N, C-alpha and C. Protein backbone atom coordinates (compact mmCIF):
# COMPACT_ATOMS: atom_id res chain seq x y z
N MET A 1 -84.13 -161.29 -109.53
CA MET A 1 -83.06 -161.35 -108.56
C MET A 1 -83.64 -161.51 -107.16
N ALA A 2 -82.94 -162.27 -106.35
CA ALA A 2 -83.28 -162.41 -104.93
C ALA A 2 -82.04 -162.07 -104.12
N LEU A 3 -82.25 -161.45 -102.98
CA LEU A 3 -81.17 -161.08 -102.08
C LEU A 3 -81.24 -161.96 -100.84
N HIS A 4 -80.11 -162.56 -100.47
CA HIS A 4 -80.04 -163.45 -99.32
C HIS A 4 -79.50 -162.69 -98.11
N LEU A 5 -80.22 -162.81 -96.98
CA LEU A 5 -79.87 -162.13 -95.74
C LEU A 5 -80.00 -163.15 -94.61
N SER A 6 -79.01 -163.21 -93.73
CA SER A 6 -79.11 -164.15 -92.62
C SER A 6 -80.18 -163.70 -91.63
N SER A 7 -80.76 -164.65 -90.92
CA SER A 7 -81.79 -164.31 -89.94
C SER A 7 -81.20 -163.47 -88.81
N SER A 8 -79.92 -163.66 -88.48
CA SER A 8 -79.32 -162.85 -87.42
C SER A 8 -79.15 -161.40 -87.89
N ASP A 9 -78.77 -161.19 -89.15
CA ASP A 9 -78.68 -159.82 -89.67
C ASP A 9 -80.06 -159.19 -89.78
N TRP A 10 -81.05 -159.98 -90.16
CA TRP A 10 -82.44 -159.50 -90.24
C TRP A 10 -82.89 -159.00 -88.87
N ARG A 11 -82.66 -159.81 -87.82
CA ARG A 11 -83.04 -159.40 -86.46
C ARG A 11 -82.27 -158.16 -86.02
N GLN A 12 -80.97 -158.09 -86.38
CA GLN A 12 -80.16 -156.93 -86.00
C GLN A 12 -80.70 -155.65 -86.63
N LEU A 13 -81.07 -155.70 -87.89
CA LEU A 13 -81.63 -154.53 -88.57
C LEU A 13 -82.93 -154.08 -87.90
N LEU A 14 -83.79 -155.03 -87.57
CA LEU A 14 -85.05 -154.69 -86.90
C LEU A 14 -84.78 -154.07 -85.53
N ASP A 15 -83.80 -154.59 -84.81
CA ASP A 15 -83.45 -154.04 -83.49
C ASP A 15 -82.92 -152.62 -83.61
N TRP A 16 -82.05 -152.38 -84.59
CA TRP A 16 -81.51 -151.02 -84.77
C TRP A 16 -82.62 -150.03 -85.07
N ALA A 17 -83.56 -150.44 -85.94
CA ALA A 17 -84.68 -149.55 -86.28
C ALA A 17 -85.54 -149.28 -85.05
N GLU A 18 -85.78 -150.30 -84.25
CA GLU A 18 -86.59 -150.11 -83.05
C GLU A 18 -85.87 -149.19 -82.06
N THR A 19 -84.57 -149.39 -81.89
CA THR A 19 -83.79 -148.56 -80.98
C THR A 19 -83.78 -147.10 -81.43
N ALA A 20 -83.75 -146.88 -82.75
CA ALA A 20 -83.73 -145.51 -83.29
C ALA A 20 -85.05 -144.79 -83.03
N GLY A 21 -86.10 -145.53 -82.81
CA GLY A 21 -87.40 -144.93 -82.49
C GLY A 21 -87.93 -144.05 -83.60
N ASP A 22 -88.13 -142.77 -83.29
CA ASP A 22 -88.70 -141.82 -84.25
C ASP A 22 -87.67 -141.27 -85.22
N HIS A 23 -86.42 -141.69 -85.09
CA HIS A 23 -85.38 -141.26 -86.02
C HIS A 23 -85.08 -142.40 -86.98
N GLU A 24 -84.58 -142.05 -88.15
CA GLU A 24 -84.19 -143.07 -89.12
C GLU A 24 -82.81 -143.59 -88.75
N CYS A 25 -82.68 -144.91 -88.67
CA CYS A 25 -81.35 -145.49 -88.55
C CYS A 25 -80.84 -145.74 -89.96
N CYS A 26 -79.55 -145.91 -90.10
CA CYS A 26 -79.00 -146.14 -91.44
C CYS A 26 -77.66 -146.85 -91.34
N GLY A 27 -77.24 -147.41 -92.47
CA GLY A 27 -75.96 -148.09 -92.48
C GLY A 27 -75.64 -148.71 -93.81
N ILE A 28 -74.64 -149.55 -93.76
CA ILE A 28 -74.03 -150.12 -94.97
C ILE A 28 -74.22 -151.63 -94.99
N LEU A 29 -74.54 -152.14 -96.18
CA LEU A 29 -74.62 -153.58 -96.43
C LEU A 29 -73.36 -153.99 -97.17
N ARG A 30 -72.72 -155.03 -96.69
CA ARG A 30 -71.53 -155.52 -97.38
C ARG A 30 -71.77 -156.95 -97.81
N GLY A 31 -71.25 -157.28 -98.98
CA GLY A 31 -71.42 -158.62 -99.50
C GLY A 31 -71.07 -158.67 -100.97
N THR A 32 -71.35 -159.79 -101.58
CA THR A 32 -71.07 -159.95 -103.01
C THR A 32 -72.24 -160.67 -103.67
N GLY A 33 -72.42 -160.36 -104.93
CA GLY A 33 -73.49 -161.01 -105.69
C GLY A 33 -74.84 -160.76 -105.08
N ASP A 34 -75.48 -161.84 -104.65
CA ASP A 34 -76.83 -161.74 -104.09
C ASP A 34 -76.86 -162.05 -102.60
N ARG A 35 -75.70 -161.95 -101.92
CA ARG A 35 -75.63 -162.30 -100.49
C ARG A 35 -75.07 -161.16 -99.65
N VAL A 36 -75.82 -160.81 -98.60
CA VAL A 36 -75.34 -159.85 -97.62
C VAL A 36 -74.45 -160.61 -96.65
N ALA A 37 -73.20 -160.17 -96.52
CA ALA A 37 -72.26 -160.82 -95.61
C ALA A 37 -72.18 -160.11 -94.27
N ALA A 38 -72.49 -158.80 -94.24
CA ALA A 38 -72.41 -158.02 -93.01
C ALA A 38 -73.29 -156.79 -93.12
N VAL A 39 -73.86 -156.40 -91.97
CA VAL A 39 -74.62 -155.15 -91.87
C VAL A 39 -73.89 -154.28 -90.86
N GLU A 40 -73.72 -153.01 -91.21
CA GLU A 40 -72.95 -152.09 -90.36
C GLU A 40 -73.76 -150.83 -90.09
N LEU A 41 -74.10 -150.63 -88.84
CA LEU A 41 -74.83 -149.43 -88.44
C LEU A 41 -73.89 -148.24 -88.47
N THR A 42 -74.38 -147.13 -89.02
CA THR A 42 -73.60 -145.89 -89.04
C THR A 42 -74.42 -144.79 -88.36
N GLN A 43 -73.79 -143.71 -88.08
CA GLN A 43 -74.51 -142.57 -87.52
C GLN A 43 -75.31 -141.89 -88.62
N ASN A 44 -76.53 -141.50 -88.28
CA ASN A 44 -77.35 -140.70 -89.19
C ASN A 44 -77.03 -139.24 -88.90
N VAL A 45 -76.36 -138.58 -89.84
CA VAL A 45 -75.95 -137.20 -89.63
C VAL A 45 -76.88 -136.19 -90.32
N ALA A 46 -78.06 -136.64 -90.74
CA ALA A 46 -79.02 -135.73 -91.37
C ALA A 46 -79.43 -134.64 -90.38
N THR A 47 -79.71 -133.45 -90.90
CA THR A 47 -80.13 -132.35 -90.02
C THR A 47 -81.49 -132.62 -89.39
N ASP A 48 -82.31 -133.44 -90.04
CA ASP A 48 -83.61 -133.82 -89.49
C ASP A 48 -83.74 -135.35 -89.55
N PRO A 49 -83.09 -136.06 -88.60
CA PRO A 49 -83.06 -137.53 -88.66
C PRO A 49 -84.42 -138.19 -88.45
N ALA A 50 -85.42 -137.43 -88.06
CA ALA A 50 -86.76 -137.99 -87.95
C ALA A 50 -87.42 -138.15 -89.32
N SER A 51 -86.91 -137.41 -90.29
CA SER A 51 -87.51 -137.44 -91.63
C SER A 51 -86.56 -137.89 -92.73
N TYR A 52 -85.26 -137.87 -92.46
CA TYR A 52 -84.27 -138.17 -93.50
C TYR A 52 -83.12 -138.97 -92.91
N PHE A 53 -82.33 -139.55 -93.80
CA PHE A 53 -81.11 -140.18 -93.34
C PHE A 53 -79.95 -139.69 -94.20
N GLU A 54 -78.80 -139.62 -93.59
CA GLU A 54 -77.55 -139.34 -94.28
C GLU A 54 -76.47 -140.14 -93.56
N ILE A 55 -75.90 -141.10 -94.26
CA ILE A 55 -74.85 -141.92 -93.67
C ILE A 55 -73.64 -141.04 -93.40
N ASP A 56 -73.08 -141.20 -92.23
CA ASP A 56 -71.90 -140.43 -91.83
C ASP A 56 -70.80 -140.57 -92.89
N PRO A 57 -70.36 -139.46 -93.49
CA PRO A 57 -69.32 -139.53 -94.52
C PRO A 57 -68.04 -140.21 -94.04
N ALA A 58 -67.71 -140.05 -92.77
CA ALA A 58 -66.51 -140.72 -92.24
C ALA A 58 -66.64 -142.24 -92.34
N ALA A 59 -67.84 -142.75 -92.10
CA ALA A 59 -68.07 -144.20 -92.22
C ALA A 59 -67.94 -144.65 -93.68
N LEU A 60 -68.45 -143.83 -94.60
CA LEU A 60 -68.33 -144.18 -96.03
C LEU A 60 -66.87 -144.19 -96.47
N ILE A 61 -66.09 -143.22 -96.01
CA ILE A 61 -64.67 -143.16 -96.36
C ILE A 61 -63.93 -144.34 -95.76
N SER A 62 -64.19 -144.65 -94.51
CA SER A 62 -63.55 -145.78 -93.85
C SER A 62 -63.88 -147.09 -94.57
N THR A 63 -65.14 -147.26 -94.96
CA THR A 63 -65.55 -148.46 -95.67
C THR A 63 -64.87 -148.55 -97.03
N ALA A 64 -64.79 -147.43 -97.75
CA ALA A 64 -64.13 -147.42 -99.06
C ALA A 64 -62.66 -147.81 -98.93
N LYS A 65 -62.00 -147.31 -97.90
CA LYS A 65 -60.59 -147.67 -97.68
C LYS A 65 -60.46 -149.16 -97.38
N ASP A 66 -61.38 -149.68 -96.58
CA ASP A 66 -61.35 -151.11 -96.24
C ASP A 66 -61.55 -151.96 -97.49
N VAL A 67 -62.49 -151.57 -98.35
CA VAL A 67 -62.75 -152.32 -99.58
C VAL A 67 -61.51 -152.30 -100.48
N ARG A 68 -60.86 -151.13 -100.59
CA ARG A 68 -59.64 -151.05 -101.41
C ARG A 68 -58.52 -151.93 -100.87
N SER A 69 -58.56 -152.21 -99.57
CA SER A 69 -57.54 -153.05 -98.94
C SER A 69 -57.94 -154.52 -98.94
N GLY A 70 -58.99 -154.86 -99.66
CA GLY A 70 -59.39 -156.25 -99.77
C GLY A 70 -60.59 -156.64 -98.92
N GLY A 71 -61.21 -155.67 -98.25
CA GLY A 71 -62.38 -155.96 -97.42
C GLY A 71 -63.61 -156.31 -98.25
N ILE A 72 -64.65 -156.71 -97.56
CA ILE A 72 -65.89 -157.11 -98.22
C ILE A 72 -66.49 -155.91 -98.96
N PRO A 73 -66.85 -156.08 -100.23
CA PRO A 73 -67.41 -154.96 -101.02
C PRO A 73 -68.72 -154.43 -100.45
N VAL A 74 -69.03 -153.19 -100.81
CA VAL A 74 -70.32 -152.59 -100.47
C VAL A 74 -71.36 -153.14 -101.45
N LEU A 75 -72.41 -153.73 -100.88
CA LEU A 75 -73.50 -154.27 -101.68
C LEU A 75 -74.67 -153.29 -101.74
N GLY A 76 -74.76 -152.46 -100.70
CA GLY A 76 -75.85 -151.50 -100.66
C GLY A 76 -75.94 -150.79 -99.33
N PHE A 77 -77.14 -150.31 -99.03
CA PHE A 77 -77.36 -149.48 -97.85
C PHE A 77 -78.71 -149.83 -97.25
N PHE A 78 -78.91 -149.45 -96.00
CA PHE A 78 -80.21 -149.64 -95.37
C PHE A 78 -80.58 -148.40 -94.58
N HIS A 79 -81.87 -148.22 -94.39
CA HIS A 79 -82.37 -147.19 -93.50
C HIS A 79 -83.79 -147.54 -93.08
N SER A 80 -84.22 -146.93 -92.01
CA SER A 80 -85.57 -147.20 -91.52
C SER A 80 -86.50 -146.05 -91.90
N HIS A 81 -87.76 -146.38 -91.93
CA HIS A 81 -88.82 -145.40 -92.15
C HIS A 81 -89.72 -145.44 -90.92
N PRO A 82 -89.46 -144.58 -89.94
CA PRO A 82 -90.30 -144.56 -88.74
C PRO A 82 -91.77 -144.25 -89.03
N ASN A 83 -92.04 -143.67 -90.20
CA ASN A 83 -93.42 -143.35 -90.57
C ASN A 83 -94.19 -144.60 -91.01
N GLY A 84 -93.51 -145.74 -91.12
CA GLY A 84 -94.17 -146.99 -91.45
C GLY A 84 -94.23 -147.33 -92.93
N MET A 85 -93.79 -146.41 -93.80
CA MET A 85 -93.81 -146.68 -95.25
C MET A 85 -92.70 -147.68 -95.60
N ALA A 86 -93.09 -148.83 -96.15
CA ALA A 86 -92.12 -149.87 -96.46
C ALA A 86 -91.51 -149.72 -97.85
N ALA A 87 -91.89 -148.69 -98.58
CA ALA A 87 -91.39 -148.46 -99.94
C ALA A 87 -90.51 -147.22 -99.97
N PRO A 88 -89.64 -147.11 -100.97
CA PRO A 88 -88.81 -145.91 -101.10
C PRO A 88 -89.67 -144.65 -101.27
N SER A 89 -89.25 -143.59 -100.62
CA SER A 89 -89.95 -142.31 -100.72
C SER A 89 -89.43 -141.52 -101.92
N LEU A 90 -90.09 -140.43 -102.23
CA LEU A 90 -89.60 -139.54 -103.29
C LEU A 90 -88.23 -138.99 -102.92
N THR A 91 -87.99 -138.76 -101.63
CA THR A 91 -86.67 -138.30 -101.18
C THR A 91 -85.62 -139.38 -101.43
N ASP A 92 -85.97 -140.64 -101.18
CA ASP A 92 -85.04 -141.74 -101.46
C ASP A 92 -84.66 -141.76 -102.94
N VAL A 93 -85.65 -141.60 -103.80
CA VAL A 93 -85.37 -141.58 -105.25
C VAL A 93 -84.44 -140.41 -105.59
N ALA A 94 -84.70 -139.25 -105.02
CA ALA A 94 -83.88 -138.07 -105.32
C ALA A 94 -82.45 -138.22 -104.81
N GLN A 95 -82.26 -138.95 -103.70
CA GLN A 95 -80.93 -139.07 -103.12
C GLN A 95 -80.13 -140.25 -103.65
N ALA A 96 -80.79 -141.20 -104.29
CA ALA A 96 -80.12 -142.42 -104.75
C ALA A 96 -79.12 -142.12 -105.86
N GLU A 97 -78.03 -142.83 -105.81
CA GLU A 97 -77.01 -142.74 -106.86
C GLU A 97 -77.30 -143.81 -107.92
N PRO A 98 -76.98 -143.54 -109.16
CA PRO A 98 -77.24 -144.51 -110.24
C PRO A 98 -76.18 -145.62 -110.27
N ASP A 99 -75.99 -146.29 -109.14
CA ASP A 99 -74.91 -147.26 -109.03
C ASP A 99 -75.38 -148.70 -108.82
N GLN A 100 -76.67 -148.92 -108.82
CA GLN A 100 -77.25 -150.26 -108.68
C GLN A 100 -77.05 -150.90 -107.31
N HIS A 101 -76.67 -150.12 -106.29
CA HIS A 101 -76.60 -150.67 -104.94
C HIS A 101 -78.00 -151.04 -104.46
N ILE A 102 -78.07 -152.10 -103.69
CA ILE A 102 -79.32 -152.55 -103.08
C ILE A 102 -79.66 -151.61 -101.92
N TRP A 103 -80.94 -151.35 -101.73
CA TRP A 103 -81.42 -150.58 -100.59
C TRP A 103 -82.38 -151.47 -99.79
N LEU A 104 -82.17 -151.53 -98.49
CA LEU A 104 -83.14 -152.17 -97.61
C LEU A 104 -83.85 -151.07 -96.84
N ILE A 105 -85.16 -151.22 -96.71
CA ILE A 105 -85.96 -150.27 -95.94
C ILE A 105 -86.65 -151.05 -94.83
N ILE A 106 -86.49 -150.56 -93.61
CA ILE A 106 -87.06 -151.20 -92.43
C ILE A 106 -88.24 -150.35 -91.98
N ALA A 107 -89.42 -150.97 -91.90
CA ALA A 107 -90.63 -150.26 -91.48
C ALA A 107 -91.61 -151.27 -90.88
N ASN A 108 -92.20 -150.89 -89.77
CA ASN A 108 -93.22 -151.75 -89.13
C ASN A 108 -92.72 -153.17 -88.88
N ARG A 109 -91.49 -153.29 -88.37
CA ARG A 109 -90.87 -154.58 -88.05
C ARG A 109 -90.81 -155.51 -89.26
N ALA A 110 -90.66 -154.93 -90.43
CA ALA A 110 -90.47 -155.69 -91.67
C ALA A 110 -89.35 -155.04 -92.46
N ILE A 111 -88.76 -155.80 -93.36
CA ILE A 111 -87.68 -155.29 -94.20
C ILE A 111 -88.02 -155.59 -95.65
N THR A 112 -87.91 -154.56 -96.48
CA THR A 112 -88.10 -154.73 -97.92
C THR A 112 -86.80 -154.37 -98.64
N ALA A 113 -86.59 -154.98 -99.79
CA ALA A 113 -85.37 -154.77 -100.57
C ALA A 113 -85.72 -154.12 -101.91
N TRP A 114 -84.82 -153.23 -102.35
CA TRP A 114 -85.08 -152.44 -103.55
C TRP A 114 -83.80 -152.23 -104.33
N GLN A 115 -83.94 -152.07 -105.63
CA GLN A 115 -82.81 -151.72 -106.48
C GLN A 115 -83.21 -150.51 -107.33
N PRO A 116 -82.32 -149.52 -107.45
CA PRO A 116 -82.67 -148.34 -108.23
C PRO A 116 -82.92 -148.66 -109.70
N VAL A 117 -83.87 -147.96 -110.27
CA VAL A 117 -84.10 -147.99 -111.72
C VAL A 117 -83.35 -146.79 -112.28
N VAL A 118 -82.41 -147.05 -113.17
CA VAL A 118 -81.56 -145.99 -113.70
C VAL A 118 -81.87 -145.78 -115.18
N VAL A 119 -82.17 -144.54 -115.53
CA VAL A 119 -82.39 -144.15 -116.92
C VAL A 119 -81.36 -143.08 -117.22
N GLY A 120 -80.49 -143.37 -118.18
CA GLY A 120 -79.39 -142.46 -118.45
C GLY A 120 -78.46 -142.48 -117.25
N ALA A 121 -78.30 -141.36 -116.61
CA ALA A 121 -77.47 -141.28 -115.40
C ALA A 121 -78.30 -140.85 -114.20
N GLN A 122 -79.62 -141.13 -114.24
CA GLN A 122 -80.50 -140.66 -113.18
C GLN A 122 -81.36 -141.81 -112.65
N VAL A 123 -81.54 -141.82 -111.33
CA VAL A 123 -82.45 -142.78 -110.71
C VAL A 123 -83.86 -142.23 -110.88
N THR A 124 -84.74 -143.05 -111.46
CA THR A 124 -86.12 -142.62 -111.69
C THR A 124 -87.11 -143.32 -110.76
N GLY A 125 -86.63 -144.28 -110.02
CA GLY A 125 -87.49 -145.03 -109.10
C GLY A 125 -86.74 -146.24 -108.57
N PHE A 126 -87.48 -147.15 -107.98
CA PHE A 126 -86.91 -148.38 -107.46
C PHE A 126 -87.78 -149.55 -107.89
N THR A 127 -87.16 -150.69 -108.03
CA THR A 127 -87.90 -151.92 -108.29
C THR A 127 -87.70 -152.87 -107.10
N PRO A 128 -88.75 -153.58 -106.71
CA PRO A 128 -88.60 -154.48 -105.56
C PRO A 128 -87.69 -155.66 -105.87
N VAL A 129 -86.99 -156.10 -104.84
CA VAL A 129 -86.11 -157.26 -104.92
C VAL A 129 -86.62 -158.26 -103.88
N THR A 130 -86.71 -159.52 -104.26
CA THR A 130 -87.13 -160.53 -103.31
C THR A 130 -86.07 -160.70 -102.24
N LEU A 131 -86.49 -160.66 -100.97
CA LEU A 131 -85.56 -160.80 -99.85
C LEU A 131 -85.76 -162.18 -99.24
N LEU A 132 -84.71 -162.98 -99.25
CA LEU A 132 -84.75 -164.33 -98.69
C LEU A 132 -83.97 -164.33 -97.38
N VAL A 133 -84.67 -164.55 -96.28
CA VAL A 133 -84.04 -164.59 -94.96
C VAL A 133 -83.73 -166.06 -94.66
N GLU A 134 -82.47 -166.31 -94.34
CA GLU A 134 -82.00 -167.68 -94.18
C GLU A 134 -81.38 -167.92 -92.81
N GLY A 135 -81.54 -169.15 -92.34
CA GLY A 135 -80.87 -169.56 -91.11
C GLY A 135 -81.57 -169.08 -89.92
């Protein structure tokens, strides 16, 4: 599988991560199939945003309502790793839901794409997804 992301969304994600500095930025990816149609920055409400991310529950509820009303589906989520690790952490594995949503990780001015590996009803890791930046 390959995931398609516009060059403008790619630049926006890098800018958000840079602006967040030592804190993790996070948000929602919307789209269908293998194409990201929109990236939406949300507030990181984690108690320690320098080490963790938690998407604002109000943003998740608002997005779910929009999707039910015919809005663009949720394709996945993104967050930055200010520590420079471009791969999912053990915390990412522990927090991931077994729903096959795509995860983008922003680190060192690069973006990597991942999909959860689900065994039974548990995420056991992530597998890399090819990210194609277009336009």
